[in-house]
Amino acid sequence: GELVTIGVEPTGPSTAFGYIKVGDSLGVDEAPSARRVEEFVEKPDGETAAGYLQTGEYRWNAGMFVVGATTLLELLSTHHADMVDSLRIIAADPRRMRDLWPSLHKIAIDHAVAEPAAAAGRVAVVPAGFGWDDVGDFASLTRLVSESTVLPGITAIGPVDDIVAIDSTATVATGGRLVALIGVDDLVVVDTQDALLITRPDRAQDVKKVVEMLTAQNRTELT
């Protein structure tokens, strides 16, 4: 059995996505574009991402996988046999979910299955040309939400009545309080009951660094 993933054709050198390096054709008549996956790579910096696009050998990793249950468990058992044992027990007796589920190792399928399987030559990729975005940060969300017709230059996530903007451009997510912007450009403002975030779209991926800092400070009420 094979693990099959969808490789989205990149439209630019994004640093927000992981990448898939494609290898040789699989020679499948029903899927002539199917290729072997050589490796999965983590989110690169801008220069590296641009280099990936120049080679024509990389696709965005959309995190979409197609695989039979038996094959998935087989691949998972290679490095996480204990997890598979627990999953089989839960499948046989769903009442065990409550006590076994918290003991399962928390790990992304990319690390637990896809990357080891690719190293073993057991992952295929089907390139896809459809539009796709994982909406993983506020920059991508801004691209999907229409600009306000009431407040030019403002993309509102939430009631536009909670925003006052003078000579400003921004994406603003409101949390019940009034947000006023005066003479600022290209900002992301997220106001919630317990925290206020202000950043730029090109730094939106760095929000995770704030989460890491708060975690290190044991600010669990915010993470």
C-alpha atoms as a PDB file:
ATOM      1  CA  GLY A   1       0.000   0.000   0.000  1.00  0.00           C
ATOM      2  CA  GLU A   2       0.986   3.600  -0.620  1.00  0.00           C
ATOM      3  CA  LEU A   3       0.398   6.857   1.184  1.00  0.00           C
ATOM      4  CA  VAL A   4      -0.821   9.365  -1.404  1.00  0.00           C
ATOM      5  CA  THR A   5      -0.659  13.120  -0.909  1.00  0.00           C
ATOM      6  CA  ILE A   6      -1.796  16.154  -2.894  1.00  0.00           C
ATOM      7  CA  GLY A   7       0.981  18.523  -3.962  1.00  0.00           C
ATOM      8  CA  VAL A   8      -0.369  21.976  -4.766  1.00  0.00           C
ATOM      9  CA  GLU A   9       1.471  23.802  -7.537  1.00  0.00           C
ATOM     10  CA  PRO A  10       3.004  26.895  -5.879  1.00  0.00           C
ATOM     11  CA  THR A  11       2.005  30.318  -7.124  1.00  0.00           C
ATOM     12  CA  GLY A  12       4.873  32.049  -5.349  1.00  0.00           C
ATOM     13  CA  PRO A  13       7.785  31.507  -2.947  1.00  0.00           C
ATOM     14  CA  SER A  14       5.671  31.216   0.182  1.00  0.00           C
ATOM     15  CA  THR A  15       7.335  30.807   3.560  1.00  0.00           C
ATOM     16  CA  ALA A  16       4.015  29.852   5.170  1.00  0.00           C
ATOM     17  CA  PHE A  17       3.846  26.305   3.796  1.00  0.00           C
ATOM     18  CA  GLY A  18       5.927  23.166   3.906  1.00  0.00           C
ATOM     19  CA  TYR A  19       7.069  21.752   0.568  1.00  0.00           C
ATOM     20  CA  ILE A  20       7.128  18.375  -1.150  1.00  0.00           C
ATOM     21  CA  LYS A  21      10.080  17.462  -3.354  1.00  0.00           C
ATOM     22  CA  VAL A  22       8.775  15.306  -6.175  1.00  0.00           C
ATOM     23  CA  GLY A  23      10.764  12.515  -7.760  1.00  0.00           C
ATOM     24  CA  ASP A  24      10.326  10.150 -10.685  1.00  0.00           C
ATOM     25  CA  SER A  25       7.062   9.409 -12.436  1.00  0.00           C
ATOM     26  CA  LEU A  26       5.215   6.351 -11.142  1.00  0.00           C
ATOM     27  CA  GLY A  27       4.097   5.397 -14.648  1.00  0.00           C
ATOM     28  CA  VAL A  28       0.450   5.009 -13.663  1.00  0.00           C
ATOM     29  CA  ASP A  29      -1.774   5.226 -16.741  1.00  0.00           C
ATOM     30  CA  GLU A  30      -4.792   6.369 -14.722  1.00  0.00           C
ATOM     31  CA  ALA A  31      -2.721   9.105 -13.035  1.00  0.00           C
ATOM     32  CA  PRO A  32       0.055  10.113 -15.447  1.00  0.00           C
ATOM     33  CA  SER A  33       1.132  13.064 -13.290  1.00  0.00           C
ATOM     34  CA  ALA A  34       1.660  10.939 -10.163  1.00  0.00           C
ATOM     35  CA  ARG A  35       5.229  11.057  -8.885  1.00  0.00           C
ATOM     36  CA  ARG A  36       7.264   9.509  -6.113  1.00  0.00           C
ATOM     37  CA  VAL A  37       7.857  11.801  -3.104  1.00  0.00           C
ATOM     38  CA  GLU A  38      11.553  12.236  -2.400  1.00  0.00           C
ATOM     39  CA  GLU A  39      11.092  14.193   0.810  1.00  0.00           C
ATOM     40  CA  PHE A  40       8.937  16.572   2.793  1.00  0.00           C
ATOM     41  CA  VAL A  41      10.640  19.804   3.841  1.00  0.00           C
ATOM     42  CA  GLU A  42       9.672  22.270   6.558  1.00  0.00           C
ATOM     43  CA  LYS A  43       8.640  25.863   5.916  1.00  0.00           C
ATOM     44  CA  PRO A  44      11.664  27.543   4.276  1.00  0.00           C
ATOM     45  CA  ASP A  45      12.914  31.105   4.333  1.00  0.00           C
ATOM     46  CA  GLY A  46      12.143  33.323   1.359  1.00  0.00           C
ATOM     47  CA  GLU A  47      15.413  32.728  -0.487  1.00  0.00           C
ATOM     48  CA  THR A  48      15.139  28.960  -0.131  1.00  0.00           C
ATOM     49  CA  ALA A  49      11.496  29.000  -1.251  1.00  0.00           C
ATOM     50  CA  ALA A  50      12.447  30.979  -4.365  1.00  0.00           C
ATOM     51  CA  GLY A  51      15.125  28.392  -5.119  1.00  0.00           C
ATOM     52  CA  TYR A  52      12.567  25.604  -4.786  1.00  0.00           C
ATOM     53  CA  LEU A  53      10.339  27.237  -7.397  1.00  0.00           C
ATOM     54  CA  GLN A  54      13.208  27.660  -9.843  1.00  0.00           C
ATOM     55  CA  THR A  55      13.859  23.918  -9.867  1.00  0.00           C
ATOM     56  CA  GLY A  56      10.244  23.055 -10.699  1.00  0.00           C
ATOM     57  CA  GLU A  57      10.585  20.013  -8.438  1.00  0.00           C
ATOM     58  CA  TYR A  58       8.643  21.248  -5.414  1.00  0.00           C
ATOM     59  CA  ARG A  59       4.969  21.474  -4.532  1.00  0.00           C
ATOM     60  CA  TRP A  60       3.220  22.971  -1.533  1.00  0.00           C
ATOM     61  CA  ASN A  61       2.377  20.459   1.156  1.00  0.00           C
ATOM     62  CA  ALA A  62      -1.352  20.931   1.724  1.00  0.00           C
ATOM     63  CA  GLY A  63      -1.502  18.237   4.383  1.00  0.00           C
ATOM     64  CA  MET A  64      -4.001  16.202   2.360  1.00  0.00           C
ATOM     65  CA  PHE A  65      -3.509  12.441   2.458  1.00  0.00           C
ATOM     66  CA  VAL A  66      -5.332   9.491   0.920  1.00  0.00           C
ATOM     67  CA  VAL A  67      -4.540   6.093   2.392  1.00  0.00           C
ATOM     68  CA  GLY A  68      -6.275   2.886   3.389  1.00  0.00           C
ATOM     69  CA  ALA A  69      -6.709   2.298   7.114  1.00  0.00           C
ATOM     70  CA  THR A  70      -4.632  -0.891   7.045  1.00  0.00           C
ATOM     71  CA  THR A  71      -1.741   0.836   5.274  1.00  0.00           C
ATOM     72  CA  LEU A  72      -1.931   3.843   7.588  1.00  0.00           C
ATOM     73  CA  LEU A  73      -1.691   1.651  10.688  1.00  0.00           C
ATOM     74  CA  GLU A  74       1.172  -0.296   9.132  1.00  0.00           C
ATOM     75  CA  LEU A  75       3.137   2.882   8.410  1.00  0.00           C
ATOM     76  CA  LEU A  76       2.363   4.317  11.837  1.00  0.00           C
ATOM     77  CA  SER A  77       3.501   1.146  13.581  1.00  0.00           C
ATOM     78  CA  THR A  78       7.013   1.509  12.134  1.00  0.00           C
ATOM     79  CA  HIS A  79       7.923   4.178  14.679  1.00  0.00           C
ATOM     80  CA  HIS A  80       4.854   4.312  16.946  1.00  0.00           C
ATOM     81  CA  ALA A  81       3.851   0.729  17.632  1.00  0.00           C
ATOM     82  CA  ASP A  82       2.480   1.588  21.087  1.00  0.00           C
ATOM     83  CA  MET A  83       0.109   4.115  19.549  1.00  0.00           C
ATOM     84  CA  VAL A  84      -1.193   1.554  17.071  1.00  0.00           C
ATOM     85  CA  ASP A  85      -1.751  -0.960  19.867  1.00  0.00           C
ATOM     86  CA  SER A  86      -3.836   1.582  21.783  1.00  0.00           C
ATOM     87  CA  LEU A  87      -5.811   2.550  18.678  1.00  0.00           C
ATOM     88  CA  ARG A  88      -6.661  -1.084  17.994  1.00  0.00           C
ATOM     89  CA  ILE A  89      -7.874  -1.510  21.573  1.00  0.00           C
ATOM     90  CA  ILE A  90     -10.079   1.586  21.238  1.00  0.00           C
ATOM     91  CA  ALA A  91     -11.486   0.325  17.927  1.00  0.00           C
ATOM     92  CA  ALA A  92     -12.380  -3.001  19.543  1.00  0.00           C
ATOM     93  CA  ASP A  93     -13.817  -1.405  22.683  1.00  0.00           C
ATOM     94  CA  PRO A  94     -14.761   2.293  22.314  1.00  0.00           C
ATOM     95  CA  ARG A  95     -15.305   2.483  26.082  1.00  0.00           C
ATOM     96  CA  ARG A  96     -11.504   2.471  26.446  1.00  0.00           C
ATOM     97  CA  MET A  97     -11.263   5.813  24.638  1.00  0.00           C
ATOM     98  CA  ARG A  98     -11.514   7.828  27.851  1.00  0.00           C
ATOM     99  CA  ASP A  99      -8.527   6.227  29.572  1.00  0.00           C
ATOM    100  CA  LEU A 100      -6.314   5.477  26.552  1.00  0.00           C
ATOM    101  CA  TRP A 101      -6.673   8.608  24.430  1.00  0.00           C
ATOM    102  CA  PRO A 102      -4.819  10.956  26.843  1.00  0.00           C
ATOM    103  CA  SER A 103      -1.853   8.573  26.837  1.00  0.00           C
ATOM    104  CA  LEU A 104      -1.361   8.708  23.059  1.00  0.00           C
ATOM    105  CA  HIS A 105       1.705  10.589  21.850  1.00  0.00           C
ATOM    106  CA  LYS A 106       0.726  13.960  20.370  1.00  0.00           C
ATOM    107  CA  ILE A 107       2.423  14.191  16.976  1.00  0.00           C
ATOM    108  CA  ALA A 108       1.526  15.481  13.519  1.00  0.00           C
ATOM    109  CA  ILE A 109       0.853  12.905  10.805  1.00  0.00           C
ATOM    110  CA  ASP A 110       3.652  14.508   8.774  1.00  0.00           C
ATOM    111  CA  HIS A 111       6.247  13.557  11.378  1.00  0.00           C
ATOM    112  CA  ALA A 112       4.684  10.287  12.524  1.00  0.00           C
ATOM    113  CA  VAL A 113       3.890   8.807   9.115  1.00  0.00           C
ATOM    114  CA  ALA A 114       4.547  10.916   6.007  1.00  0.00           C
ATOM    115  CA  GLU A 115       8.227  11.766   6.484  1.00  0.00           C
ATOM    116  CA  PRO A 116       9.362   8.240   7.485  1.00  0.00           C
ATOM    117  CA  ALA A 117       7.236   6.736   4.710  1.00  0.00           C
ATOM    118  CA  ALA A 118       8.774   9.097   2.135  1.00  0.00           C
ATOM    119  CA  ALA A 119      12.252   8.081   3.272  1.00  0.00           C
ATOM    120  CA  ALA A 120      11.198   4.473   2.701  1.00  0.00           C
ATOM    121  CA  GLY A 121       9.881   5.261  -0.799  1.00  0.00           C
ATOM    122  CA  ARG A 122       6.246   4.656   0.076  1.00  0.00           C
ATOM    123  CA  VAL A 123       4.658   8.045  -0.625  1.00  0.00           C
ATOM    124  CA  ALA A 124       3.196   9.159  -3.949  1.00  0.00           C
ATOM    125  CA  VAL A 125       2.170  12.696  -4.838  1.00  0.00           C
ATOM    126  CA  VAL A 126      -0.454  13.858  -7.310  1.00  0.00           C
ATOM    127  CA  PRO A 127       0.230  17.470  -8.369  1.00  0.00           C
ATOM    128  CA  ALA A 128      -2.818  19.729  -8.287  1.00  0.00           C
ATOM    129  CA  GLY A 129      -3.353  23.108  -9.882  1.00  0.00           C
ATOM    130  CA  PHE A 130      -6.403  24.265  -7.938  1.00  0.00           C
ATOM    131  CA  GLY A 131      -6.339  27.392  -5.803  1.00  0.00           C
ATOM    132  CA  TRP A 132      -5.527  26.626  -2.194  1.00  0.00           C
ATOM    133  CA  ASP A 133      -4.632  28.381   1.043  1.00  0.00           C
ATOM    134  CA  ASP A 134      -4.442  26.842   4.490  1.00  0.00           C
ATOM    135  CA  VAL A 135      -5.522  30.142   6.111  1.00  0.00           C
ATOM    136  CA  GLY A 136      -2.712  29.660   8.575  1.00  0.00           C
ATOM    137  CA  ASP A 137      -2.187  33.332   9.413  1.00  0.00           C
ATOM    138  CA  PHE A 138      -3.871  36.709   9.174  1.00  0.00           C
ATOM    139  CA  ALA A 139      -2.112  37.529   5.913  1.00  0.00           C
ATOM    140  CA  SER A 140      -3.833  34.617   4.174  1.00  0.00           C
ATOM    141  CA  LEU A 141      -7.133  35.440   5.873  1.00  0.00           C
ATOM    142  CA  THR A 142      -6.907  38.976   4.521  1.00  0.00           C
ATOM    143  CA  ARG A 143      -6.666  37.606   0.983  1.00  0.00           C
ATOM    144  CA  LEU A 144      -9.924  35.706   1.454  1.00  0.00           C
ATOM    145  CA  VAL A 145     -12.045  38.364   3.172  1.00  0.00           C
ATOM    146  CA  SER A 146     -13.385  41.254   1.117  1.00  0.00           C
ATOM    147  CA  GLU A 147     -12.352  44.779   1.972  1.00  0.00           C
ATOM    148  CA  SER A 148     -15.027  46.798   3.741  1.00  0.00           C
ATOM    149  CA  THR A 149     -17.221  48.941   1.495  1.00  0.00           C
ATOM    150  CA  VAL A 150     -17.901  51.244   4.444  1.00  0.00           C
ATOM    151  CA  LEU A 151     -14.278  51.726   5.524  1.00  0.00           C
ATOM    152  CA  PRO A 152     -11.972  51.797   2.472  1.00  0.00           C
ATOM    153  CA  GLY A 153      -8.642  50.142   3.196  1.00  0.00           C
ATOM    154  CA  ILE A 154     -10.019  48.123   6.106  1.00  0.00           C
ATOM    155  CA  THR A 155     -10.650  44.381   6.054  1.00  0.00           C
ATOM    156  CA  ALA A 156     -12.982  43.727   8.961  1.00  0.00           C
ATOM    157  CA  ILE A 157     -13.291  40.394  10.743  1.00  0.00           C
ATOM    158  CA  GLY A 158     -16.250  41.111  12.954  1.00  0.00           C
ATOM    159  CA  PRO A 159     -18.667  44.045  13.157  1.00  0.00           C
ATOM    160  CA  VAL A 160     -17.465  46.996  11.125  1.00  0.00           C
ATOM    161  CA  ASP A 161     -19.362  49.266  13.536  1.00  0.00           C
ATOM    162  CA  ASP A 162     -16.637  48.548  16.113  1.00  0.00           C
ATOM    163  CA  ILE A 163     -13.954  50.128  13.900  1.00  0.00           C
ATOM    164  CA  VAL A 164     -13.082  53.764  13.312  1.00  0.00           C
ATOM    165  CA  ALA A 165     -10.369  54.334  10.704  1.00  0.00           C
ATOM    166  CA  ILE A 166      -8.867  57.589   9.470  1.00  0.00           C
ATOM    167  CA  ASP A 167      -6.308  57.430   6.656  1.00  0.00           C
ATOM    168  CA  SER A 168      -5.420  53.839   7.553  1.00  0.00           C
ATOM    169  CA  THR A 169      -5.152  50.395   5.986  1.00  0.00           C
ATOM    170  CA  ALA A 170      -5.419  47.283   8.118  1.00  0.00           C
ATOM    171  CA  THR A 171      -7.022  43.951   8.803  1.00  0.00           C
ATOM    172  CA  VAL A 172      -8.970  44.288  12.036  1.00  0.00           C
ATOM    173  CA  ALA A 173     -10.576  41.553  14.123  1.00  0.00           C
ATOM    174  CA  THR A 174     -12.727  43.047  16.845  1.00  0.00           C
ATOM    175  CA  GLY A 175     -13.729  41.521  20.160  1.00  0.00           C
ATOM    176  CA  GLY A 176     -16.462  43.816  21.403  1.00  0.00           C
ATOM    177  CA  ARG A 177     -14.483  47.013  22.004  1.00  0.00           C
ATOM    178  CA  LEU A 178     -14.040  49.978  19.707  1.00  0.00           C
ATOM    179  CA  VAL A 179     -10.816  49.882  17.674  1.00  0.00           C
ATOM    180  CA  ALA A 180      -9.639  53.262  16.348  1.00  0.00           C
ATOM    181  CA  LEU A 181      -6.898  53.624  13.730  1.00  0.00           C
ATOM    182  CA  ILE A 182      -5.379  56.957  12.735  1.00  0.00           C
ATOM    183  CA  GLY A 183      -2.745  57.342  10.033  1.00  0.00           C
ATOM    184  CA  VAL A 184      -1.355  53.799  10.124  1.00  0.00           C
ATOM    185  CA  ASP A 185      -0.860  51.425   7.215  1.00  0.00           C
ATOM    186  CA  ASP A 186      -0.514  47.723   6.542  1.00  0.00           C
ATOM    187  CA  LEU A 187      -1.341  46.468  10.033  1.00  0.00           C
ATOM    188  CA  VAL A 188      -3.077  43.454  11.503  1.00  0.00           C
ATOM    189  CA  VAL A 189      -4.993  44.266  14.684  1.00  0.00           C
ATOM    190  CA  VAL A 190      -6.674  41.525  16.701  1.00  0.00           C
ATOM    191  CA  ASP A 191      -8.554  42.636  19.794  1.00  0.00           C
ATOM    192  CA  THR A 192      -9.969  40.022  22.169  1.00  0.00           C
ATOM    193  CA  GLN A 193     -11.197  40.095  25.750  1.00  0.00           C
ATOM    194  CA  ASP A 194      -7.856  38.986  27.193  1.00  0.00           C
ATOM    195  CA  ALA A 195      -5.214  40.155  24.721  1.00  0.00           C
ATOM    196  CA  LEU A 196      -4.403  42.643  21.973  1.00  0.00           C
ATOM    197  CA  LEU A 197      -2.227  41.719  18.988  1.00  0.00           C
ATOM    198  CA  ILE A 198      -0.733  44.254  16.582  1.00  0.00           C
ATOM    199  CA  THR A 199       1.564  43.136  13.777  1.00  0.00           C
ATOM    200  CA  ARG A 200       2.176  43.422  10.042  1.00  0.00           C
ATOM    201  CA  PRO A 201       0.953  40.885   7.466  1.00  0.00           C
ATOM    202  CA  ASP A 202       4.530  39.921   6.589  1.00  0.00           C
ATOM    203  CA  ARG A 203       5.186  39.030  10.245  1.00  0.00           C
ATOM    204  CA  ALA A 204       1.896  37.209  10.844  1.00  0.00           C
ATOM    205  CA  GLN A 205       3.644  33.815  10.953  1.00  0.00           C
ATOM    206  CA  ASP A 206       5.614  35.030  13.970  1.00  0.00           C
ATOM    207  CA  VAL A 207       2.520  34.911  16.176  1.00  0.00           C
ATOM    208  CA  LYS A 208       3.650  31.408  17.130  1.00  0.00           C
ATOM    209  CA  LYS A 209       6.759  32.958  18.706  1.00  0.00           C
ATOM    210  CA  VAL A 210       4.495  34.901  21.050  1.00  0.00           C
ATOM    211  CA  VAL A 211       2.729  31.664  21.958  1.00  0.00           C
ATOM    212  CA  GLU A 212       6.096  30.059  22.702  1.00  0.00           C
ATOM    213  CA  MET A 213       7.078  32.987  24.934  1.00  0.00           C
ATOM    214  CA  LEU A 214       3.781  32.865  26.816  1.00  0.00           C
ATOM    215  CA  THR A 215       4.125  29.118  27.268  1.00  0.00           C
ATOM    216  CA  ALA A 216       7.625  29.590  28.679  1.00  0.00           C
ATOM    217  CA  GLN A 217       6.170  32.143  31.111  1.00  0.00           C
ATOM    218  CA  ASN A 218       3.432  29.683  32.144  1.00  0.00           C
ATOM    219  CA  ARG A 219       0.746  32.060  30.880  1.00  0.00           C
ATOM    220  CA  THR A 220      -1.540  29.096  30.273  1.00  0.00           C
ATOM    221  CA  GLU A 221      -4.669  31.252  30.426  1.00  0.00           C
ATOM    222  CA  LEU A 222      -3.572  32.803  27.126  1.00  0.00           C
ATOM    223  CA  THR A 223      -2.342  29.712  25.305  1.00  0.00           C
END
